[in-house]
Amino acid sequence: MMKISTLSLGTVAAATIIATFGMGAAAAAPDYATLPVDPNVITDSTAYTAKPAVLDPDGQQGVQQEFDHRDGTRGITTTIRILSSPQDAAGALDAMRADLAPIVIGPASQPVAVGTGGTMMTGKSPDGSQSVGVLLFTQGNAAVEVQFDGPANDPVPVDLATQYGQDQVSAINRELGA
């Protein structure tokens, strides 16, 4: 009877595993479509319907997703841009802020406890028919803009927008390790 060395079988098994699966698993690229927070989680409802996420909006690495309220009076648009560094994210945030002039008329601005540089701006749409609230912040190398549109006389409460932003920070940390 022929005896096969246990060491030889172990070596063959190890070589087979390495050849089949490789030395290590390469880290999968992040799925940016999973980054935007679903507002139904914050409001504990099913009032919002998500539109498909748009990857790399305007040619910028990241994601944009819109959520529409079932009654048609409210909407939330989350834009997350992924940059190469926190400094680049801060620069992108400044550019996002500068781009708000034609979107939010007569904005009131206040700091909020969301990410780095958290700012909440509230005002009206250019035609005055809607309230517009915009939350801006960075988290690691992500620059984030969340726009809340609603009835002219019923703007998003700052505490709700802040909670949404804090949940967005958690999602970025979880998905990107920021």
N, C-alpha and C. Protein backbone atom coordinates (compact mmCIF):
# COMPACT_ATOMS: atom_id res chain seq x y z
N MET A 1 0.84 -1.16 0.00
CA MET A 1 0.00 0.00 0.00
C MET A 1 0.89 1.24 0.00
N MET A 2 0.58 2.19 -0.88
CA MET A 2 1.38 3.38 -1.04
C MET A 2 0.90 4.45 -0.08
N LYS A 3 1.82 5.08 0.64
CA LYS A 3 1.49 6.13 1.59
C LYS A 3 1.80 7.49 0.98
N ILE A 4 0.82 8.37 1.00
CA ILE A 4 1.05 9.73 0.50
C ILE A 4 1.24 10.62 1.71
N SER A 5 2.24 11.40 1.65
CA SER A 5 2.57 12.29 2.77
C SER A 5 1.45 13.32 2.97
N THR A 6 1.07 13.52 4.24
CA THR A 6 0.08 14.53 4.58
C THR A 6 0.58 15.91 4.18
N LEU A 7 1.86 16.14 4.35
CA LEU A 7 2.45 17.42 3.97
C LEU A 7 2.29 17.66 2.48
N SER A 8 2.47 16.63 1.67
CA SER A 8 2.33 16.77 0.22
C SER A 8 0.90 17.12 -0.16
N LEU A 9 -0.07 16.46 0.47
CA LEU A 9 -1.48 16.76 0.19
C LEU A 9 -1.83 18.18 0.62
N GLY A 10 -1.30 18.60 1.76
CA GLY A 10 -1.55 19.97 2.24
C GLY A 10 -0.97 21.00 1.29
N THR A 11 0.21 20.73 0.78
CA THR A 11 0.86 21.65 -0.17
C THR A 11 0.06 21.75 -1.45
N VAL A 12 -0.42 20.61 -1.95
CA VAL A 12 -1.23 20.59 -3.16
C VAL A 12 -2.53 21.36 -2.93
N ALA A 13 -3.17 21.14 -1.78
CA ALA A 13 -4.42 21.83 -1.47
C ALA A 13 -4.19 23.34 -1.40
N ALA A 14 -3.13 23.76 -0.74
CA ALA A 14 -2.83 25.19 -0.63
C ALA A 14 -2.57 25.80 -2.00
N ALA A 15 -1.81 25.11 -2.83
CA ALA A 15 -1.50 25.61 -4.17
C ALA A 15 -2.78 25.73 -4.99
N THR A 16 -3.68 24.77 -4.84
CA THR A 16 -4.95 24.81 -5.57
C THR A 16 -5.79 26.01 -5.14
N ILE A 17 -5.85 26.26 -3.84
CA ILE A 17 -6.62 27.39 -3.33
C ILE A 17 -6.05 28.70 -3.84
N ILE A 18 -4.73 28.85 -3.78
CA ILE A 18 -4.09 30.08 -4.24
C ILE A 18 -4.32 30.27 -5.73
N ALA A 19 -4.19 29.20 -6.50
CA ALA A 19 -4.39 29.30 -7.95
C ALA A 19 -5.83 29.64 -8.29
N THR A 20 -6.76 29.12 -7.49
CA THR A 20 -8.18 29.35 -7.77
C THR A 20 -8.64 30.72 -7.31
N PHE A 21 -8.25 31.12 -6.10
CA PHE A 21 -8.77 32.34 -5.51
C PHE A 21 -7.77 33.48 -5.45
N GLY A 22 -6.52 33.25 -5.74
CA GLY A 22 -5.51 34.30 -5.66
C GLY A 22 -4.99 34.45 -4.25
N MET A 23 -3.98 35.26 -4.11
CA MET A 23 -3.34 35.46 -2.81
C MET A 23 -4.23 36.27 -1.87
N GLY A 24 -4.98 37.17 -2.39
CA GLY A 24 -5.83 38.00 -1.55
C GLY A 24 -6.93 38.58 -2.41
N ALA A 25 -8.00 38.94 -1.77
CA ALA A 25 -9.11 39.52 -2.51
C ALA A 25 -8.83 41.00 -2.73
N ALA A 26 -8.95 41.44 -3.95
CA ALA A 26 -8.80 42.85 -4.25
C ALA A 26 -10.01 43.58 -3.71
N ALA A 27 -9.78 44.76 -3.18
CA ALA A 27 -10.89 45.54 -2.65
C ALA A 27 -11.80 45.96 -3.81
N ALA A 28 -13.08 45.71 -3.63
CA ALA A 28 -14.04 46.09 -4.65
C ALA A 28 -14.18 47.61 -4.67
N ALA A 29 -14.38 48.15 -5.85
CA ALA A 29 -14.60 49.59 -5.97
C ALA A 29 -15.90 49.94 -5.24
N PRO A 30 -15.94 51.08 -4.57
CA PRO A 30 -17.16 51.45 -3.86
C PRO A 30 -18.33 51.61 -4.82
N ASP A 31 -19.50 51.22 -4.38
CA ASP A 31 -20.72 51.41 -5.15
C ASP A 31 -21.34 52.72 -4.70
N TYR A 32 -21.04 53.80 -5.41
CA TYR A 32 -21.51 55.12 -5.00
C TYR A 32 -23.03 55.22 -4.98
N ALA A 33 -23.72 54.36 -5.73
CA ALA A 33 -25.18 54.39 -5.75
C ALA A 33 -25.78 54.08 -4.38
N THR A 34 -25.00 53.44 -3.50
CA THR A 34 -25.50 53.11 -2.17
C THR A 34 -25.29 54.25 -1.17
N LEU A 35 -24.62 55.32 -1.57
CA LEU A 35 -24.30 56.40 -0.63
C LEU A 35 -25.49 57.27 -0.20
N PRO A 36 -26.36 57.73 -1.12
CA PRO A 36 -27.43 58.63 -0.67
C PRO A 36 -28.36 57.96 0.34
N VAL A 37 -28.67 58.70 1.39
CA VAL A 37 -29.56 58.21 2.44
C VAL A 37 -31.01 58.31 1.96
N ASP A 38 -31.77 57.27 2.18
CA ASP A 38 -33.20 57.24 1.85
C ASP A 38 -33.94 58.07 2.89
N PRO A 39 -34.64 59.13 2.49
CA PRO A 39 -35.34 59.97 3.48
C PRO A 39 -36.44 59.24 4.24
N ASN A 40 -36.93 58.13 3.71
CA ASN A 40 -37.95 57.37 4.42
C ASN A 40 -37.41 56.82 5.74
N VAL A 41 -36.11 56.60 5.81
CA VAL A 41 -35.50 56.12 7.05
C VAL A 41 -35.56 57.21 8.11
N ILE A 42 -35.33 58.45 7.70
CA ILE A 42 -35.33 59.58 8.63
C ILE A 42 -36.75 59.90 9.09
N THR A 43 -37.70 59.88 8.14
CA THR A 43 -39.07 60.27 8.46
C THR A 43 -39.93 59.11 8.92
N ASP A 44 -39.36 57.89 8.95
CA ASP A 44 -40.09 56.70 9.36
C ASP A 44 -41.39 56.56 8.58
N SER A 45 -41.26 56.64 7.26
CA SER A 45 -42.44 56.56 6.40
C SER A 45 -42.07 55.91 5.08
N THR A 46 -43.03 55.88 4.19
CA THR A 46 -42.77 55.46 2.82
C THR A 46 -43.23 56.57 1.88
N ALA A 47 -43.13 57.80 2.34
CA ALA A 47 -43.64 58.94 1.58
C ALA A 47 -42.79 59.31 0.38
N TYR A 48 -41.51 58.93 0.38
CA TYR A 48 -40.61 59.33 -0.70
C TYR A 48 -40.31 58.16 -1.64
N THR A 49 -40.26 58.48 -2.92
CA THR A 49 -39.91 57.51 -3.95
C THR A 49 -38.58 57.92 -4.55
N ALA A 50 -37.66 56.98 -4.64
CA ALA A 50 -36.34 57.26 -5.18
C ALA A 50 -36.34 57.14 -6.70
N LYS A 51 -35.73 58.11 -7.35
CA LYS A 51 -35.44 57.99 -8.77
C LYS A 51 -34.12 57.24 -8.88
N PRO A 52 -33.81 56.66 -10.02
CA PRO A 52 -32.53 55.96 -10.15
C PRO A 52 -31.35 56.90 -9.89
N ALA A 53 -30.36 56.37 -9.20
CA ALA A 53 -29.16 57.15 -8.91
C ALA A 53 -28.41 57.42 -10.21
N VAL A 54 -27.83 58.61 -10.31
CA VAL A 54 -27.01 59.00 -11.45
C VAL A 54 -25.56 58.96 -11.00
N LEU A 55 -24.78 58.06 -11.58
CA LEU A 55 -23.37 57.97 -11.23
C LEU A 55 -22.58 59.02 -12.00
N ASP A 56 -21.59 59.58 -11.34
CA ASP A 56 -20.69 60.58 -11.93
C ASP A 56 -21.45 61.73 -12.59
N PRO A 57 -22.32 62.43 -11.81
CA PRO A 57 -23.09 63.54 -12.38
C PRO A 57 -22.16 64.66 -12.87
N ASP A 58 -22.51 65.23 -13.99
CA ASP A 58 -21.72 66.33 -14.58
C ASP A 58 -20.26 65.94 -14.78
N GLY A 59 -20.00 64.66 -14.98
CA GLY A 59 -18.64 64.20 -15.21
C GLY A 59 -17.77 64.18 -13.96
N GLN A 60 -18.37 64.41 -12.80
CA GLN A 60 -17.64 64.40 -11.53
C GLN A 60 -17.83 63.04 -10.86
N GLN A 61 -16.76 62.47 -10.32
CA GLN A 61 -16.87 61.18 -9.65
C GLN A 61 -17.80 61.33 -8.45
N GLY A 62 -18.78 60.44 -8.34
CA GLY A 62 -19.73 60.48 -7.24
C GLY A 62 -21.10 60.01 -7.67
N VAL A 63 -22.12 60.58 -7.03
CA VAL A 63 -23.49 60.14 -7.28
C VAL A 63 -24.47 61.28 -6.99
N GLN A 64 -25.59 61.24 -7.69
CA GLN A 64 -26.70 62.16 -7.40
C GLN A 64 -27.98 61.34 -7.43
N GLN A 65 -28.85 61.60 -6.44
CA GLN A 65 -30.12 60.88 -6.41
C GLN A 65 -31.21 61.81 -5.94
N GLU A 66 -32.37 61.70 -6.60
CA GLU A 66 -33.54 62.50 -6.25
C GLU A 66 -34.58 61.60 -5.58
N PHE A 67 -35.26 62.19 -4.61
CA PHE A 67 -36.36 61.51 -3.92
C PHE A 67 -37.56 62.45 -3.98
N ASP A 68 -38.68 61.96 -4.50
CA ASP A 68 -39.88 62.77 -4.61
C ASP A 68 -40.93 62.31 -3.62
N HIS A 69 -41.58 63.28 -2.96
CA HIS A 69 -42.65 62.98 -2.03
C HIS A 69 -43.89 62.56 -2.82
N ARG A 70 -44.64 61.64 -2.27
CA ARG A 70 -45.80 61.10 -2.99
C ARG A 70 -46.85 62.15 -3.31
N ASP A 71 -46.93 63.23 -2.50
CA ASP A 71 -47.94 64.25 -2.80
C ASP A 71 -47.44 65.29 -3.81
N GLY A 72 -46.19 65.15 -4.25
CA GLY A 72 -45.66 66.03 -5.28
C GLY A 72 -45.23 67.41 -4.81
N THR A 73 -45.30 67.67 -3.50
CA THR A 73 -44.97 69.00 -3.01
C THR A 73 -43.55 69.12 -2.48
N ARG A 74 -42.88 68.01 -2.28
CA ARG A 74 -41.53 68.03 -1.70
C ARG A 74 -40.58 67.17 -2.51
N GLY A 75 -39.32 67.55 -2.46
CA GLY A 75 -38.29 66.75 -3.11
C GLY A 75 -36.97 66.93 -2.39
N ILE A 76 -36.15 65.91 -2.44
CA ILE A 76 -34.81 65.95 -1.85
C ILE A 76 -33.84 65.45 -2.92
N THR A 77 -32.81 66.23 -3.19
CA THR A 77 -31.78 65.83 -4.14
C THR A 77 -30.44 65.81 -3.42
N THR A 78 -29.82 64.66 -3.39
CA THR A 78 -28.52 64.50 -2.74
C THR A 78 -27.45 64.35 -3.82
N THR A 79 -26.42 65.19 -3.73
CA THR A 79 -25.28 65.11 -4.63
C THR A 79 -24.03 64.90 -3.80
N ILE A 80 -23.31 63.83 -4.09
CA ILE A 80 -22.07 63.51 -3.37
C ILE A 80 -20.95 63.43 -4.40
N ARG A 81 -19.98 64.30 -4.24
CA ARG A 81 -18.82 64.30 -5.14
C ARG A 81 -17.63 63.72 -4.39
N ILE A 82 -16.95 62.79 -5.02
CA ILE A 82 -15.79 62.13 -4.41
C ILE A 82 -14.53 62.74 -5.03
N LEU A 83 -13.70 63.32 -4.19
CA LEU A 83 -12.48 63.97 -4.64
C LEU A 83 -11.26 63.20 -4.17
N SER A 84 -10.10 63.64 -4.57
CA SER A 84 -8.87 62.91 -4.23
C SER A 84 -8.37 63.19 -2.82
N SER A 85 -8.85 64.27 -2.19
CA SER A 85 -8.37 64.59 -0.84
C SER A 85 -9.41 65.45 -0.12
N PRO A 86 -9.32 65.53 1.21
CA PRO A 86 -10.22 66.42 1.95
C PRO A 86 -10.06 67.88 1.52
N GLN A 87 -8.86 68.30 1.14
CA GLN A 87 -8.64 69.67 0.69
C GLN A 87 -9.38 69.93 -0.63
N ASP A 88 -9.34 68.95 -1.53
CA ASP A 88 -10.07 69.08 -2.78
C ASP A 88 -11.58 69.09 -2.53
N ALA A 89 -12.02 68.31 -1.54
CA ALA A 89 -13.45 68.30 -1.19
C ALA A 89 -13.87 69.67 -0.67
N ALA A 90 -13.03 70.30 0.14
CA ALA A 90 -13.34 71.64 0.65
C ALA A 90 -13.44 72.64 -0.50
N GLY A 91 -12.54 72.53 -1.48
CA GLY A 91 -12.61 73.40 -2.65
C GLY A 91 -13.88 73.17 -3.46
N ALA A 92 -14.27 71.91 -3.60
CA ALA A 92 -15.51 71.58 -4.32
C ALA A 92 -16.72 72.13 -3.57
N LEU A 93 -16.67 72.08 -2.25
CA LEU A 93 -17.78 72.62 -1.44
C LEU A 93 -17.91 74.12 -1.67
N ASP A 94 -16.80 74.83 -1.73
CA ASP A 94 -16.84 76.27 -2.01
C ASP A 94 -17.48 76.53 -3.37
N ALA A 95 -17.14 75.71 -4.36
CA ALA A 95 -17.73 75.86 -5.70
C ALA A 95 -19.23 75.56 -5.66
N MET A 96 -19.63 74.54 -4.90
CA MET A 96 -21.06 74.22 -4.77
C MET A 96 -21.81 75.40 -4.14
N ARG A 97 -21.21 75.99 -3.13
CA ARG A 97 -21.82 77.14 -2.45
C ARG A 97 -21.99 78.30 -3.43
N ALA A 98 -20.97 78.56 -4.24
CA ALA A 98 -21.02 79.65 -5.21
C ALA A 98 -22.10 79.40 -6.27
N ASP A 99 -22.36 78.14 -6.58
CA ASP A 99 -23.36 77.80 -7.60
C ASP A 99 -24.80 77.93 -7.10
N LEU A 100 -25.00 78.23 -5.82
CA LEU A 100 -26.35 78.30 -5.26
C LEU A 100 -27.07 79.61 -5.56
N ALA A 101 -26.35 80.65 -5.93
CA ALA A 101 -26.96 81.97 -6.12
C ALA A 101 -28.23 81.94 -6.98
N PRO A 102 -28.25 81.26 -8.12
CA PRO A 102 -29.48 81.25 -8.91
C PRO A 102 -30.54 80.25 -8.42
N ILE A 103 -30.21 79.45 -7.41
CA ILE A 103 -31.14 78.42 -6.94
C ILE A 103 -31.88 78.84 -5.68
N VAL A 104 -31.17 79.52 -4.77
CA VAL A 104 -31.75 79.95 -3.49
C VAL A 104 -31.70 81.47 -3.44
N ILE A 105 -32.87 82.10 -3.46
CA ILE A 105 -32.95 83.55 -3.44
C ILE A 105 -33.09 84.03 -1.99
N GLY A 106 -32.30 85.03 -1.62
CA GLY A 106 -32.35 85.59 -0.27
C GLY A 106 -32.05 84.59 0.81
N PRO A 107 -30.98 83.82 0.65
CA PRO A 107 -30.74 82.75 1.63
C PRO A 107 -30.31 83.25 3.00
N ALA A 108 -30.83 82.58 4.01
CA ALA A 108 -30.32 82.74 5.38
C ALA A 108 -29.40 81.55 5.59
N SER A 109 -28.25 81.79 6.18
CA SER A 109 -27.25 80.73 6.34
C SER A 109 -26.91 80.56 7.81
N GLN A 110 -26.73 79.31 8.21
CA GLN A 110 -26.32 79.03 9.58
C GLN A 110 -25.47 77.77 9.62
N PRO A 111 -24.51 77.74 10.55
CA PRO A 111 -23.70 76.52 10.70
C PRO A 111 -24.54 75.41 11.33
N VAL A 112 -24.27 74.17 10.94
CA VAL A 112 -24.94 73.01 11.52
C VAL A 112 -23.89 71.95 11.84
N ALA A 113 -24.20 71.11 12.81
CA ALA A 113 -23.27 70.07 13.27
C ALA A 113 -23.35 68.85 12.35
N VAL A 114 -22.83 69.02 11.13
CA VAL A 114 -22.83 67.94 10.14
C VAL A 114 -21.47 67.95 9.45
N GLY A 115 -20.74 66.85 9.54
CA GLY A 115 -19.46 66.74 8.85
C GLY A 115 -18.53 67.89 9.17
N THR A 116 -17.74 68.29 8.18
CA THR A 116 -16.85 69.44 8.30
C THR A 116 -17.43 70.57 7.47
N GLY A 117 -17.50 71.76 8.06
CA GLY A 117 -18.02 72.91 7.34
C GLY A 117 -19.51 72.87 7.11
N GLY A 118 -20.24 72.13 7.95
CA GLY A 118 -21.69 72.00 7.78
C GLY A 118 -22.39 73.35 7.80
N THR A 119 -23.15 73.63 6.74
CA THR A 119 -23.87 74.88 6.60
C THR A 119 -25.25 74.59 6.05
N MET A 120 -26.27 75.24 6.61
CA MET A 120 -27.64 75.12 6.11
C MET A 120 -28.06 76.49 5.59
N MET A 121 -28.49 76.51 4.33
CA MET A 121 -28.97 77.74 3.72
C MET A 121 -30.44 77.54 3.38
N THR A 122 -31.26 78.52 3.73
CA THR A 122 -32.69 78.43 3.41
C THR A 122 -33.14 79.71 2.74
N GLY A 123 -34.05 79.56 1.79
CA GLY A 123 -34.59 80.70 1.07
C GLY A 123 -35.74 80.25 0.19
N LYS A 124 -35.93 80.97 -0.89
CA LYS A 124 -37.02 80.66 -1.83
C LYS A 124 -36.44 80.33 -3.20
N SER A 125 -37.25 79.67 -4.00
CA SER A 125 -36.88 79.43 -5.39
C SER A 125 -36.93 80.77 -6.13
N PRO A 126 -36.29 80.89 -7.29
CA PRO A 126 -36.28 82.17 -8.00
C PRO A 126 -37.67 82.75 -8.28
N ASP A 127 -38.66 81.89 -8.53
CA ASP A 127 -40.01 82.40 -8.78
C ASP A 127 -40.84 82.55 -7.51
N GLY A 128 -40.26 82.19 -6.36
CA GLY A 128 -40.94 82.35 -5.07
C GLY A 128 -41.99 81.30 -4.78
N SER A 129 -42.14 80.31 -5.64
CA SER A 129 -43.20 79.32 -5.47
C SER A 129 -42.83 78.19 -4.51
N GLN A 130 -41.55 78.06 -4.19
CA GLN A 130 -41.11 76.96 -3.32
C GLN A 130 -40.11 77.45 -2.29
N SER A 131 -40.08 76.73 -1.17
CA SER A 131 -38.98 76.92 -0.22
C SER A 131 -37.83 76.05 -0.71
N VAL A 132 -36.61 76.53 -0.48
CA VAL A 132 -35.42 75.77 -0.87
C VAL A 132 -34.47 75.81 0.32
N GLY A 133 -34.09 74.62 0.77
CA GLY A 133 -33.07 74.50 1.81
C GLY A 133 -31.92 73.69 1.25
N VAL A 134 -30.70 74.14 1.51
CA VAL A 134 -29.54 73.42 1.00
C VAL A 134 -28.57 73.18 2.15
N LEU A 135 -28.24 71.93 2.35
CA LEU A 135 -27.27 71.52 3.36
C LEU A 135 -25.97 71.21 2.63
N LEU A 136 -24.88 71.82 3.08
CA LEU A 136 -23.56 71.61 2.49
C LEU A 136 -22.59 71.16 3.56
N PHE A 137 -21.73 70.18 3.23
CA PHE A 137 -20.69 69.75 4.16
C PHE A 137 -19.70 68.86 3.43
N THR A 138 -18.57 68.62 4.08
CA THR A 138 -17.64 67.62 3.58
C THR A 138 -17.49 66.54 4.63
N GLN A 139 -17.11 65.37 4.16
CA GLN A 139 -16.77 64.26 5.05
C GLN A 139 -15.63 63.52 4.38
N GLY A 140 -14.44 63.63 4.96
CA GLY A 140 -13.27 63.04 4.31
C GLY A 140 -13.07 63.68 2.95
N ASN A 141 -12.99 62.86 1.91
CA ASN A 141 -12.79 63.41 0.57
C ASN A 141 -14.10 63.53 -0.22
N ALA A 142 -15.23 63.55 0.49
CA ALA A 142 -16.54 63.71 -0.15
C ALA A 142 -17.09 65.11 0.13
N ALA A 143 -17.58 65.77 -0.92
CA ALA A 143 -18.28 67.04 -0.79
C ALA A 143 -19.75 66.75 -1.04
N VAL A 144 -20.62 67.22 -0.15
CA VAL A 144 -22.03 66.83 -0.20
C VAL A 144 -22.93 68.06 -0.23
N GLU A 145 -23.92 67.99 -1.12
CA GLU A 145 -24.98 69.00 -1.19
C GLU A 145 -26.31 68.26 -1.14
N VAL A 146 -27.16 68.63 -0.20
CA VAL A 146 -28.50 68.05 -0.12
C VAL A 146 -29.49 69.20 -0.26
N GLN A 147 -30.31 69.16 -1.31
CA GLN A 147 -31.28 70.22 -1.55
C GLN A 147 -32.67 69.72 -1.18
N PHE A 148 -33.36 70.50 -0.35
CA PHE A 148 -34.71 70.18 0.10
C PHE A 148 -35.65 71.21 -0.52
N ASP A 149 -36.56 70.77 -1.37
CA ASP A 149 -37.56 71.66 -1.97
C ASP A 149 -38.91 71.35 -1.35
N GLY A 150 -39.70 72.40 -1.09
CA GLY A 150 -41.01 72.20 -0.50
C GLY A 150 -41.92 73.38 -0.76
N PRO A 151 -43.11 73.36 -0.16
CA PRO A 151 -44.03 74.49 -0.31
C PRO A 151 -43.39 75.79 0.19
N ALA A 152 -43.76 76.89 -0.43
CA ALA A 152 -43.15 78.18 -0.11
C ALA A 152 -43.28 78.53 1.37
N ASN A 153 -44.38 78.16 1.98
CA ASN A 153 -44.61 78.52 3.39
C ASN A 153 -44.25 77.41 4.37
N ASP A 154 -43.57 76.36 3.90
CA ASP A 154 -43.26 75.22 4.76
C ASP A 154 -41.86 74.67 4.46
N PRO A 155 -40.82 75.44 4.81
CA PRO A 155 -39.45 74.97 4.54
C PRO A 155 -39.08 73.78 5.41
N VAL A 156 -38.06 73.05 4.99
CA VAL A 156 -37.58 71.91 5.77
C VAL A 156 -37.09 72.42 7.12
N PRO A 157 -37.48 71.77 8.21
CA PRO A 157 -36.95 72.15 9.52
C PRO A 157 -35.44 71.88 9.58
N VAL A 158 -34.70 72.81 10.17
CA VAL A 158 -33.25 72.68 10.24
C VAL A 158 -32.86 71.42 11.00
N ASP A 159 -33.61 71.06 12.06
CA ASP A 159 -33.25 69.85 12.82
C ASP A 159 -33.42 68.59 11.97
N LEU A 160 -34.42 68.55 11.10
CA LEU A 160 -34.61 67.40 10.22
C LEU A 160 -33.48 67.33 9.18
N ALA A 161 -33.14 68.47 8.60
CA ALA A 161 -32.04 68.51 7.63
C ALA A 161 -30.72 68.11 8.30
N THR A 162 -30.52 68.54 9.54
CA THR A 162 -29.31 68.19 10.27
C THR A 162 -29.26 66.69 10.53
N GLN A 163 -30.37 66.10 10.95
CA GLN A 163 -30.43 64.65 11.17
C GLN A 163 -30.13 63.90 9.87
N TYR A 164 -30.72 64.38 8.79
CA TYR A 164 -30.48 63.76 7.48
C TYR A 164 -28.99 63.82 7.15
N GLY A 165 -28.39 64.97 7.37
CA GLY A 165 -26.96 65.14 7.09
C GLY A 165 -26.09 64.25 7.96
N GLN A 166 -26.44 64.13 9.23
CA GLN A 166 -25.65 63.26 10.12
C GLN A 166 -25.76 61.80 9.68
N ASP A 167 -26.93 61.39 9.24
CA ASP A 167 -27.09 60.03 8.71
C ASP A 167 -26.29 59.86 7.41
N GLN A 168 -26.21 60.94 6.62
CA GLN A 168 -25.42 60.88 5.39
C GLN A 168 -23.94 60.74 5.72
N VAL A 169 -23.47 61.44 6.75
CA VAL A 169 -22.08 61.30 7.21
C VAL A 169 -21.81 59.84 7.59
N SER A 170 -22.74 59.24 8.34
CA SER A 170 -22.57 57.84 8.74
C SER A 170 -22.49 56.92 7.53
N ALA A 171 -23.32 57.17 6.52
CA ALA A 171 -23.31 56.33 5.31
C ALA A 171 -21.98 56.48 4.57
N ILE A 172 -21.46 57.69 4.50
CA ILE A 172 -20.17 57.90 3.83
C ILE A 172 -19.07 57.19 4.59
N ASN A 173 -19.08 57.32 5.91
CA ASN A 173 -18.06 56.64 6.72
C ASN A 173 -18.14 55.12 6.54
N ARG A 174 -19.36 54.60 6.52
CA ARG A 174 -19.57 53.16 6.40
C ARG A 174 -19.12 52.65 5.02
N GLU A 175 -19.47 53.37 3.98
CA GLU A 175 -19.20 52.90 2.62
C GLU A 175 -17.80 53.24 2.11
N LEU A 176 -17.29 54.40 2.53
CA LEU A 176 -16.00 54.85 2.00
C LEU A 176 -14.88 54.83 3.04
N GLY A 177 -15.26 54.61 4.29
CA GLY A 177 -14.24 54.62 5.34
C GLY A 177 -13.64 56.00 5.53
N ALA A 178 -14.42 57.03 5.27
CA ALA A 178 -13.92 58.42 5.36
C ALA A 178 -13.57 58.79 6.79
